[in-house]
C-alpha atoms as a PDB file:
ATOM      1  CA  MET A   1      17.318 -23.247 -17.574  1.00  0.00           C
ATOM      2  CA  PRO A   2      17.864 -21.022 -20.664  1.00  0.00           C
ATOM      3  CA  ILE A   3      16.090 -17.715 -20.517  1.00  0.00           C
ATOM      4  CA  SER A   4      13.956 -18.475 -23.496  1.00  0.00           C
ATOM      5  CA  ASP A   5      12.646 -21.634 -21.808  1.00  0.00           C
ATOM      6  CA  PHE A   6      12.411 -19.686 -18.488  1.00  0.00           C
ATOM      7  CA  ARG A   7      10.020 -17.157 -20.218  1.00  0.00           C
ATOM      8  CA  ARG A   8       7.782 -19.861 -21.609  1.00  0.00           C
ATOM      9  CA  VAL A   9       7.638 -21.741 -18.340  1.00  0.00           C
ATOM     10  CA  ASP A  10       7.106 -18.616 -16.281  1.00  0.00           C
ATOM     11  CA  GLN A  11       4.204 -17.515 -18.656  1.00  0.00           C
ATOM     12  CA  ARG A  12       2.458 -20.865 -18.237  1.00  0.00           C
ATOM     13  CA  ILE A  13       2.767 -20.813 -14.509  1.00  0.00           C
ATOM     14  CA  LEU A  14       1.209 -17.473 -14.333  1.00  0.00           C
ATOM     15  CA  SER A  15      -1.576 -18.630 -16.729  1.00  0.00           C
ATOM     16  CA  LEU A  16      -2.579 -21.377 -14.190  1.00  0.00           C
ATOM     17  CA  ALA A  17      -4.041 -18.725 -11.929  1.00  0.00           C
ATOM     18  CA  GLU A  18      -6.767 -18.128 -14.551  1.00  0.00           C
ATOM     19  CA  ASN A  19      -7.196 -21.679 -15.767  1.00  0.00           C
ATOM     20  CA  PRO A  20      -5.519 -24.379 -13.448  1.00  0.00           C
ATOM     21  CA  ARG A  21      -6.551 -27.179 -15.916  1.00  0.00           C
ATOM     22  CA  PRO A  22      -5.654 -25.877 -19.562  1.00  0.00           C
ATOM     23  CA  ARG A  23      -5.838 -28.202 -22.504  1.00  0.00           C
ATOM     24  CA  GLY A  24      -3.114 -30.732 -22.601  1.00  0.00           C
ATOM     25  CA  THR A  25      -3.036 -31.090 -18.704  1.00  0.00           C
ATOM     26  CA  VAL A  26      -2.510 -34.588 -17.449  1.00  0.00           C
ATOM     27  CA  LYS A  27      -3.885 -35.667 -13.950  1.00  0.00           C
ATOM     28  CA  LEU A  28      -1.171 -37.483 -12.043  1.00  0.00           C
ATOM     29  CA  GLY A  29      -3.179 -38.236  -8.784  1.00  0.00           C
ATOM     30  CA  ASP A  30      -6.020 -36.996  -6.701  1.00  0.00           C
ATOM     31  CA  LEU A  31      -5.046 -33.334  -6.751  1.00  0.00           C
ATOM     32  CA  SER A  32      -1.779 -33.433  -8.855  1.00  0.00           C
ATOM     33  CA  TYR A  33      -1.430 -32.396 -12.480  1.00  0.00           C
ATOM     34  CA  ARG A  34       1.338 -32.105 -15.096  1.00  0.00           C
ATOM     35  CA  VAL A  35       1.539 -29.490 -17.933  1.00  0.00           C
ATOM     36  CA  ARG A  36       4.107 -29.731 -20.574  1.00  0.00           C
ATOM     37  CA  ILE A  37       6.175 -26.875 -22.177  1.00  0.00           C
ATOM     38  CA  GLY A  38       8.583 -28.374 -24.652  1.00  0.00           C
ATOM     39  CA  ASN A  39      11.052 -30.549 -22.765  1.00  0.00           C
ATOM     40  CA  TRP A  40       9.955 -29.001 -19.380  1.00  0.00           C
ATOM     41  CA  ARG A  41       7.251 -30.318 -17.097  1.00  0.00           C
ATOM     42  CA  ILE A  42       5.356 -28.285 -14.368  1.00  0.00           C
ATOM     43  CA  ILE A  43       4.019 -30.457 -11.702  1.00  0.00           C
ATOM     44  CA  TYR A  44       1.492 -28.897  -9.442  1.00  0.00           C
ATOM     45  CA  ILE A  45      -1.438 -29.396  -7.097  1.00  0.00           C
ATOM     46  CA  VAL A  46      -4.905 -27.590  -7.445  1.00  0.00           C
ATOM     47  CA  ASP A  47      -6.850 -26.786  -4.358  1.00  0.00           C
ATOM     48  CA  ASP A  48     -10.249 -25.794  -5.703  1.00  0.00           C
ATOM     49  CA  ASP A  49     -11.726 -24.996  -2.147  1.00  0.00           C
ATOM     50  CA  ASN A  50      -9.106 -22.436  -1.423  1.00  0.00           C
ATOM     51  CA  ARG A  51      -8.708 -21.525  -5.018  1.00  0.00           C
ATOM     52  CA  THR A  52      -4.889 -22.025  -5.087  1.00  0.00           C
ATOM     53  CA  VAL A  53      -2.292 -23.749  -7.265  1.00  0.00           C
ATOM     54  CA  LEU A  54       0.897 -25.044  -5.605  1.00  0.00           C
ATOM     55  CA  ILE A  55       3.785 -25.571  -7.930  1.00  0.00           C
ATOM     56  CA  ARG A  56       5.575 -28.618  -6.693  1.00  0.00           C
ATOM     57  CA  ASN A  57       8.242 -29.006  -9.280  1.00  0.00           C
ATOM     58  CA  VAL A  58       9.531 -27.815 -12.596  1.00  0.00           C
ATOM     59  CA  ARG A  59      11.678 -30.489 -14.326  1.00  0.00           C
ATOM     60  CA  ARG A  60      13.258 -31.206 -17.581  1.00  0.00           C
ATOM     61  CA  ARG A  61      11.613 -34.380 -19.042  1.00  0.00           C
ATOM     62  CA  GLY A  62      13.541 -37.515 -18.234  1.00  0.00           C
ATOM     63  CA  GLU A  63      13.575 -40.763 -16.477  1.00  0.00           C
ATOM     64  CA  GLY A  64      13.246 -39.374 -12.995  1.00  0.00           C
ATOM     65  CA  THR A  65      10.890 -36.575 -13.790  1.00  0.00           C
ATOM     66  CA  TYR A  66       7.883 -38.150 -11.886  1.00  0.00           C
ATOM     67  CA  ARG A  67       9.831 -40.092  -9.234  1.00  0.00           C
ATOM     68  CA  ASN A  68       9.183 -39.159  -5.528  1.00  0.00           C
ATOM     69  CA  LEU A  69       6.006 -37.000  -6.235  1.00  0.00           C
END
């Protein structure tokens, strides 16, 4: 991942601690969500009871982005 993309993705991941469902978030399943940063996708789980966000994957957008989730 290029450093410029890494910085944007890292910043977005850190911001999920304050707001785990920012504008533009897409719900993928019961607890799974996806947020978009350019061509990158952060796929994560929100556990409201324990106030945690678990990052499952960071992938470049493509045909296999959402397989095996």
